[in-house]
PDB file of all heavy atoms in Angstrom:
ATOM      1  N   ILE A   1      59.775  31.810 174.757  1.00  0.00           N
ATOM      2  CA  ILE A   1      60.969  31.665 173.929  1.00  0.00           C
ATOM      3  C   ILE A   1      62.001  32.628 174.501  1.00  0.00           C
ATOM      4  O   ILE A   1      62.018  33.807 174.172  1.00  0.00           O
ATOM      5  CB  ILE A   1      60.689  31.970 172.450  1.00  0.00           C
ATOM      6  CG1 ILE A   1      59.471  31.194 171.965  1.00  0.00           C
ATOM      7  CG2 ILE A   1      61.913  31.647 171.595  1.00  0.00           C
ATOM      8  CD1 ILE A   1      59.583  29.694 172.137  1.00  0.00           C
ATOM      9  N   ALA A   2      62.846  32.127 175.391  1.00  0.00           N
ATOM     10  CA  ALA A   2      63.757  32.978 176.158  1.00  0.00           C
ATOM     11  C   ALA A   2      65.051  33.246 175.400  1.00  0.00           C
ATOM     12  O   ALA A   2      66.150  33.162 175.943  1.00  0.00           O
ATOM     13  CB  ALA A   2      64.050  32.330 177.507  1.00  0.00           C
ATOM     14  N   CYS A   3      64.897  33.585 174.134  1.00  0.00           N
ATOM     15  CA  CYS A   3      66.029  33.807 173.241  1.00  0.00           C
ATOM     16  C   CYS A   3      65.605  34.840 172.214  1.00  0.00           C
ATOM     17  O   CYS A   3      64.583  34.661 171.534  1.00  0.00           O
ATOM     18  CB  CYS A   3      66.423  32.489 172.556  1.00  0.00           C
ATOM     19  SG  CYS A   3      67.595  32.672 171.197  1.00  0.00           S
ATOM     20  N   ASN A   4      66.359  35.929 172.110  1.00  0.00           N
ATOM     21  CA  ASN A   4      66.016  36.978 171.156  1.00  0.00           C
ATOM     22  C   ASN A   4      66.034  36.460 169.726  1.00  0.00           C
ATOM     23  O   ASN A   4      65.126  36.737 168.937  1.00  0.00           O
ATOM     24  CB  ASN A   4      67.001  38.144 171.294  1.00  0.00           C
ATOM     25  CG  ASN A   4      66.785  38.963 172.547  1.00  0.00           C
ATOM     26  OD1 ASN A   4      66.088  39.963 172.540  1.00  0.00           O
ATOM     27  ND2 ASN A   4      67.388  38.540 173.645  1.00  0.00           N
ATOM     28  N   THR A   5      67.060  35.706 169.375  1.00  0.00           N
ATOM     29  CA  THR A   5      67.189  35.205 168.008  1.00  0.00           C
ATOM     30  C   THR A   5      66.010  34.320 167.635  1.00  0.00           C
ATOM     31  O   THR A   5      65.382  34.503 166.584  1.00  0.00           O
ATOM     32  CB  THR A   5      68.500  34.415 167.844  1.00  0.00           C
ATOM     33  OG1 THR A   5      69.608  35.281 168.103  1.00  0.00           O
ATOM     34  CG2 THR A   5      68.628  33.853 166.437  1.00  0.00           C
ATOM     35  N   ALA A   6      65.701  33.344 168.481  1.00  0.00           N
ATOM     36  CA  ALA A   6      64.596  32.428 168.198  1.00  0.00           C
ATOM     37  C   ALA A   6      63.268  33.161 168.144  1.00  0.00           C
ATOM     38  O   ALA A   6      62.402  32.837 167.330  1.00  0.00           O
ATOM     39  CB  ALA A   6      64.550  31.327 169.249  1.00  0.00           C
ATOM     40  N   SER A   7      63.089  34.161 169.002  1.00  0.00           N
ATOM     41  CA  SER A   7      61.846  34.934 169.010  1.00  0.00           C
ATOM     42  C   SER A   7      61.697  35.738 167.719  1.00  0.00           C
ATOM     43  O   SER A   7      60.632  35.743 167.093  1.00  0.00           O
ATOM     44  CB  SER A   7      61.812  35.881 170.213  1.00  0.00           C
ATOM     45  OG  SER A   7      61.815  35.170 171.426  1.00  0.00           O
ATOM     46  N   VAL A   8      62.760  36.413 167.335  1.00  0.00           N
ATOM     47  CA  VAL A   8      62.728  37.243 166.135  1.00  0.00           C
ATOM     48  C   VAL A   8      62.402  36.410 164.904  1.00  0.00           C
ATOM     49  O   VAL A   8      61.631  36.824 164.033  1.00  0.00           O
ATOM     50  CB  VAL A   8      64.089  37.965 165.968  1.00  0.00           C
ATOM     51  CG1 VAL A   8      64.239  38.529 164.571  1.00  0.00           C
ATOM     52  CG2 VAL A   8      64.227  39.078 167.000  1.00  0.00           C
ATOM     53  N   ILE A   9      62.970  35.202 164.831  1.00  0.00           N
ATOM     54  CA  ILE A   9      62.844  34.382 163.632  1.00  0.00           C
ATOM     55  C   ILE A   9      61.575  33.539 163.615  1.00  0.00           C
ATOM     56  O   ILE A   9      60.911  33.405 162.582  1.00  0.00           O
ATOM     57  CB  ILE A   9      64.070  33.454 163.477  1.00  0.00           C
ATOM     58  CG1 ILE A   9      65.357  34.273 163.345  1.00  0.00           C
ATOM     59  CG2 ILE A   9      63.897  32.518 162.280  1.00  0.00           C
ATOM     60  CD1 ILE A   9      65.403  35.181 162.155  1.00  0.00           C
ATOM     61  N   SER A  10      61.198  32.956 164.766  1.00  0.00           N
ATOM     62  CA  SER A  10      60.193  31.883 164.724  1.00  0.00           C
ATOM     63  C   SER A  10      58.918  32.132 165.514  1.00  0.00           C
ATOM     64  O   SER A  10      58.012  31.306 165.489  1.00  0.00           O
ATOM     65  CB  SER A  10      60.829  30.577 165.227  1.00  0.00           C
ATOM     66  OG  SER A  10      61.166  30.681 166.606  1.00  0.00           O
ATOM     67  N   LEU A  11      58.822  33.250 166.206  1.00  0.00           N
ATOM     68  CA  LEU A  11      57.668  33.456 167.085  1.00  0.00           C
ATOM     69  C   LEU A  11      56.347  33.434 166.321  1.00  0.00           C
ATOM     70  O   LEU A  11      55.367  32.802 166.760  1.00  0.00           O
ATOM     71  CB  LEU A  11      57.825  34.777 167.844  1.00  0.00           C
ATOM     72  CG  LEU A  11      56.828  35.043 168.976  1.00  0.00           C
ATOM     73  CD1 LEU A  11      56.877  33.930 170.019  1.00  0.00           C
ATOM     74  CD2 LEU A  11      57.119  36.391 169.638  1.00  0.00           C
ATOM     75  N   ALA A  12      56.302  34.085 165.179  1.00  0.00           N
ATOM     76  CA  ALA A  12      55.051  34.147 164.410  1.00  0.00           C
ATOM     77  C   ALA A  12      54.608  32.756 163.964  1.00  0.00           C
ATOM     78  O   ALA A  12      53.422  32.404 164.075  1.00  0.00           O
ATOM     79  CB  ALA A  12      55.231  35.058 163.199  1.00  0.00           C
ATOM     80  N   SER A  13      55.531  31.936 163.473  1.00  0.00           N
ATOM     81  CA  SER A  13      55.168  30.599 163.002  1.00  0.00           C
ATOM     82  C   SER A  13      54.763  29.690 164.154  1.00  0.00           C
ATOM     83  O   SER A  13      53.860  28.851 164.017  1.00  0.00           O
ATOM     84  CB  SER A  13      56.327  29.979 162.221  1.00  0.00           C
ATOM     85  OG  SER A  13      57.474  29.816 163.032  1.00  0.00           O
ATOM     86  N   LEU A  14      55.402  29.841 165.303  1.00  0.00           N
ATOM     87  CA  LEU A  14      55.042  29.029 166.470  1.00  0.00           C
ATOM     88  C   LEU A  14      53.627  29.356 166.936  1.00  0.00           C
ATOM     89  O   LEU A  14      52.864  28.460 167.319  1.00  0.00           O
ATOM     90  CB  LEU A  14      56.039  29.267 167.609  1.00  0.00           C
ATOM     91  CG  LEU A  14      57.432  28.668 167.435  1.00  0.00           C
ATOM     92  CD1 LEU A  14      58.354  29.138 168.555  1.00  0.00           C
ATOM     93  CD2 LEU A  14      57.388  27.143 167.390  1.00  0.00           C
ATOM     94  N   ARG A  15      53.274  30.621 166.904  1.00  0.00           N
ATOM     95  CA  ARG A  15      51.936  31.020 167.347  1.00  0.00           C
ATOM     96  C   ARG A  15      50.858  30.513 166.391  1.00  0.00           C
ATOM     97  O   ARG A  15      49.726  30.285 166.811  1.00  0.00           O
ATOM     98  CB  ARG A  15      51.873  32.541 167.482  1.00  0.00           C
ATOM     99  CG  ARG A  15      52.579  33.062 168.726  1.00  0.00           C
ATOM    100  CD  ARG A  15      52.642  34.577 168.768  1.00  0.00           C
ATOM    101  NE  ARG A  15      53.139  35.044 170.055  1.00  0.00           N
ATOM    102  CZ  ARG A  15      53.520  36.294 170.293  1.00  0.00           C
ATOM    103  NH1 ARG A  15      53.464  37.208 169.320  1.00  0.00           N
ATOM    104  NH2 ARG A  15      53.953  36.652 171.487  1.00  0.00           N
ATOM    105  N   GLU A  16      51.214  30.322 165.148  1.00  0.00           N
ATOM    106  CA  GLU A  16      50.266  29.737 164.200  1.00  0.00           C
ATOM    107  C   GLU A  16      50.110  28.231 164.430  1.00  0.00           C
ATOM    108  O   GLU A  16      49.043  27.672 164.220  1.00  0.00           O
ATOM    109  CB  GLU A  16      50.740  29.986 162.769  1.00  0.00           C
ATOM    110  CG  GLU A  16      50.638  31.429 162.329  1.00  0.00           C
ATOM    111  CD  GLU A  16      51.082  31.613 160.891  1.00  0.00           C
ATOM    112  OE1 GLU A  16      51.466  30.605 160.258  1.00  0.00           O
ATOM    113  OE2 GLU A  16      51.062  32.760 160.398  1.00  0.00           O
ATOM    114  N   GLU A  17      51.196  27.594 164.868  1.00  0.00           N
ATOM    115  CA  GLU A  17      51.200  26.133 165.002  1.00  0.00           C
ATOM    116  C   GLU A  17      50.586  25.643 166.306  1.00  0.00           C
ATOM    117  O   GLU A  17      49.944  24.589 166.341  1.00  0.00           O
ATOM    118  CB  GLU A  17      52.639  25.622 164.877  1.00  0.00           C
ATOM    119  CG  GLU A  17      52.762  24.110 164.911  1.00  0.00           C
ATOM    120  CD  GLU A  17      54.191  23.630 164.694  1.00  0.00           C
ATOM    121  OE1 GLU A  17      55.092  24.492 164.500  1.00  0.00           O
ATOM    122  OE2 GLU A  17      54.408  22.407 164.724  1.00  0.00           O
ATOM    123  N   PHE A  18      50.763  26.403 167.392  1.00  0.00           N
ATOM    124  CA  PHE A  18      50.321  25.944 168.706  1.00  0.00           C
ATOM    125  C   PHE A  18      49.221  26.851 169.254  1.00  0.00           C
ATOM    126  O   PHE A  18      49.223  28.058 169.020  1.00  0.00           O
ATOM    127  CB  PHE A  18      51.502  25.897 169.680  1.00  0.00           C
ATOM    128  CG  PHE A  18      52.588  24.943 169.254  1.00  0.00           C
ATOM    129  CD1 PHE A  18      53.665  25.391 168.503  1.00  0.00           C
ATOM    130  CD2 PHE A  18      52.515  23.600 169.593  1.00  0.00           C
ATOM    131  CE1 PHE A  18      54.664  24.521 168.094  1.00  0.00           C
ATOM    132  CE2 PHE A  18      53.498  22.718 169.187  1.00  0.00           C
ATOM    133  CZ  PHE A  18      54.571  23.179 168.435  1.00  0.00           C
ATOM    134  N   ARG A  19      48.329  26.273 170.029  1.00  0.00           N
ATOM    135  CA  ARG A  19      47.174  27.017 170.522  1.00  0.00           C
ATOM    136  C   ARG A  19      47.414  27.683 171.866  1.00  0.00           C
ATOM    137  O   ARG A  19      46.681  28.596 172.239  1.00  0.00           O
ATOM    138  CB  ARG A  19      45.964  26.073 170.622  1.00  0.00           C
ATOM    139  CG  ARG A  19      45.474  25.582 169.265  1.00  0.00           C
ATOM    140  CD  ARG A  19      44.190  24.803 169.392  1.00  0.00           C
ATOM    141  NE  ARG A  19      43.676  24.388 168.081  1.00  0.00           N
ATOM    142  CZ  ARG A  19      42.547  23.724 167.903  1.00  0.00           C
ATOM    143  NH1 ARG A  19      41.804  23.384 168.946  1.00  0.00           N
ATOM    144  NH2 ARG A  19      42.158  23.388 166.692  1.00  0.00           N
ATOM    145  N   PHE A  20      48.390  27.226 172.635  1.00  0.00           N
ATOM    146  CA  PHE A  20      48.639  27.857 173.933  1.00  0.00           C
ATOM    147  C   PHE A  20      49.454  29.141 173.746  1.00  0.00           C
ATOM    148  O   PHE A  20      50.147  29.306 172.728  1.00  0.00           O
ATOM    149  CB  PHE A  20      49.340  26.885 174.895  1.00  0.00           C
ATOM    150  CG  PHE A  20      50.574  26.224 174.332  1.00  0.00           C
ATOM    151  CD1 PHE A  20      51.793  26.885 174.294  1.00  0.00           C
ATOM    152  CD2 PHE A  20      50.517  24.921 173.857  1.00  0.00           C
ATOM    153  CE1 PHE A  20      52.927  26.281 173.796  1.00  0.00           C
ATOM    154  CE2 PHE A  20      51.640  24.300 173.343  1.00  0.00           C
ATOM    155  CZ  PHE A  20      52.856  24.987 173.312  1.00  0.00           C
ATOM    156  N   PRO A  21      49.397  30.067 174.707  1.00  0.00           N
ATOM    157  CA  PRO A  21      50.121  31.337 174.569  1.00  0.00           C
ATOM    158  C   PRO A  21      51.631  31.126 174.501  1.00  0.00           C
ATOM    159  O   PRO A  21      52.203  30.319 175.244  1.00  0.00           O
ATOM    160  CB  PRO A  21      49.740  32.102 175.845  1.00  0.00           C
ATOM    161  CG  PRO A  21      48.471  31.465 176.320  1.00  0.00           C
ATOM    162  CD  PRO A  21      48.577  30.022 175.934  1.00  0.00           C
ATOM    163  N   ILE A  22      52.283  31.852 173.613  1.00  0.00           N
ATOM    164  CA  ILE A  22      53.738  31.816 173.477  1.00  0.00           C
ATOM    165  C   ILE A  22      54.252  33.244 173.545  1.00  0.00           C
ATOM    166  O   ILE A  22      53.839  34.097 172.757  1.00  0.00           O
ATOM    167  CB  ILE A  22      54.165  31.140 172.166  1.00  0.00           C
ATOM    168  CG1 ILE A  22      53.638  29.700 172.104  1.00  0.00           C
ATOM    169  CG2 ILE A  22      55.691  31.142 172.035  1.00  0.00           C
ATOM    170  CD1 ILE A  22      53.959  28.980 170.813  1.00  0.00           C
ATOM    171  N   ILE A  23      55.146  33.493 174.491  1.00  0.00           N
ATOM    172  CA  ILE A  23      55.698  34.830 174.714  1.00  0.00           C
ATOM    173  C   ILE A  23      57.147  34.836 174.268  1.00  0.00           C
ATOM    174  O   ILE A  23      57.916  33.916 174.597  1.00  0.00           O
ATOM    175  CB  ILE A  23      55.601  35.227 176.204  1.00  0.00           C
ATOM    176  CG1 ILE A  23      54.134  35.230 176.669  1.00  0.00           C
ATOM    177  CG2 ILE A  23      56.224  36.605 176.435  1.00  0.00           C
ATOM    178  CD1 ILE A  23      53.682  33.961 177.337  1.00  0.00           C
ATOM    179  N   GLY A  24      57.548  35.848 173.539  1.00  0.00           N
ATOM    180  CA  GLY A  24      58.910  35.941 173.050  1.00  0.00           C
ATOM    181  C   GLY A  24      59.711  37.018 173.760  1.00  0.00           C
ATOM    182  O   GLY A  24      59.188  37.799 174.564  1.00  0.00           O
ATOM    183  N   VAL A  25      61.000  37.036 173.462  1.00  0.00           N
ATOM    184  CA  VAL A  25      61.923  38.037 174.000  1.00  0.00           C
ATOM    185  C   VAL A  25      62.535  38.777 172.821  1.00  0.00           C
ATOM    186  O   VAL A  25      63.140  38.154 171.950  1.00  0.00           O
ATOM    187  CB  VAL A  25      63.046  37.375 174.827  1.00  0.00           C
ATOM    188  CG1 VAL A  25      64.042  38.422 175.314  1.00  0.00           C
ATOM    189  CG2 VAL A  25      62.467  36.608 175.999  1.00  0.00           C
ATOM    190  N   VAL A  26      62.376  40.080 172.782  1.00  0.00           N
ATOM    191  CA  VAL A  26      62.975  40.875 171.708  1.00  0.00           C
ATOM    192  C   VAL A  26      63.780  42.016 172.331  1.00  0.00           C
ATOM    193  O   VAL A  26      63.528  42.425 173.466  1.00  0.00           O
ATOM    194  CB  VAL A  26      61.906  41.436 170.749  1.00  0.00           C
ATOM    195  CG1 VAL A  26      61.185  40.298 170.031  1.00  0.00           C
ATOM    196  CG2 VAL A  26      60.921  42.332 171.465  1.00  0.00           C
ATOM    197  N   PRO A  27      64.778  42.539 171.604  1.00  0.00           N
ATOM    198  CA  PRO A  27      65.629  43.600 172.155  1.00  0.00           C
ATOM    199  C   PRO A  27      64.822  44.808 172.639  1.00  0.00           C
ATOM    200  O   PRO A  27      63.868  45.225 171.987  1.00  0.00           O
ATOM    201  CB  PRO A  27      66.528  43.976 170.973  1.00  0.00           C
ATOM    202  CG  PRO A  27      66.568  42.745 170.128  1.00  0.00           C
ATOM    203  CD  PRO A  27      65.204  42.129 170.255  1.00  0.00           C
ATOM    204  N   ALA A  28      65.229  45.348 173.766  1.00  0.00           N
ATOM    205  CA  ALA A  28      64.501  46.452 174.401  1.00  0.00           C
ATOM    206  C   ALA A  28      64.844  47.785 173.745  1.00  0.00           C
ATOM    207  O   ALA A  28      65.273  48.747 174.398  1.00  0.00           O
ATOM    208  CB  ALA A  28      64.829  46.488 175.895  1.00  0.00           C
ATOM    209  N   VAL A  29      64.622  47.856 172.450  1.00  0.00           N
ATOM    210  CA  VAL A  29      64.942  49.067 171.685  1.00  0.00           C
ATOM    211  C   VAL A  29      64.005  50.216 172.044  1.00  0.00           C
ATOM    212  O   VAL A  29      64.442  51.371 172.178  1.00  0.00           O
ATOM    213  CB  VAL A  29      64.887  48.763 170.175  1.00  0.00           C
ATOM    214  CG1 VAL A  29      64.983  50.057 169.358  1.00  0.00           C
ATOM    215  CG2 VAL A  29      65.991  47.797 169.783  1.00  0.00           C
ATOM    216  N   LYS A  30      62.730  49.917 172.205  1.00  0.00           N
ATOM    217  CA  LYS A  30      61.744  50.967 172.483  1.00  0.00           C
ATOM    218  C   LYS A  30      62.044  51.718 173.777  1.00  0.00           C
ATOM    219  O   LYS A  30      62.133  52.955 173.766  1.00  0.00           O
ATOM    220  CB  LYS A  30      60.343  50.368 172.509  1.00  0.00           C
ATOM    221  CG  LYS A  30      59.242  51.392 172.739  1.00  0.00           C
ATOM    222  CD  LYS A  30      57.870  50.742 172.701  1.00  0.00           C
ATOM    223  CE  LYS A  30      56.761  51.750 172.916  1.00  0.00           C
ATOM    224  NZ  LYS A  30      55.411  51.108 172.861  1.00  0.00           N
ATOM    225  N   PRO A  31      62.213  51.030 174.926  1.00  0.00           N
ATOM    226  CA  PRO A  31      62.535  51.785 176.141  1.00  0.00           C
ATOM    227  C   PRO A  31      63.906  52.445 176.080  1.00  0.00           C
ATOM    228  O   PRO A  31      64.117  53.508 176.673  1.00  0.00           O
ATOM    229  CB  PRO A  31      62.476  50.721 177.246  1.00  0.00           C
ATOM    230  CG  PRO A  31      62.590  49.411 176.553  1.00  0.00           C
ATOM    231  CD  PRO A  31      61.985  49.605 175.202  1.00  0.00           C
ATOM    232  N   ALA A  32      64.844  51.840 175.348  1.00  0.00           N
ATOM    233  CA  ALA A  32      66.173  52.447 175.217  1.00  0.00           C
ATOM    234  C   ALA A  32      66.092  53.784 174.500  1.00  0.00           C
ATOM    235  O   ALA A  32      66.738  54.757 174.897  1.00  0.00           O
ATOM    236  CB  ALA A  32      67.108  51.495 174.477  1.00  0.00           C
ATOM    237  N   ALA A  33      65.282  53.837 173.440  1.00  0.00           N
ATOM    238  CA  ALA A  33      65.119  55.086 172.691  1.00  0.00           C
ATOM    239  C   ALA A  33      64.486  56.166 173.558  1.00  0.00           C
ATOM    240  O   ALA A  33      64.840  57.352 173.463  1.00  0.00           O
ATOM    241  CB  ALA A  33      64.266  54.833 171.448  1.00  0.00           C
TER     242      ALA A  33
END
């Protein structure tokens, strides 16, 4: 899911619905801090 918005909102539900691995993109807050 090459979109921060879509990852933040829907990643958890997609992983429940589909059996193959799904990787999301979220803001790089941790390394920035």
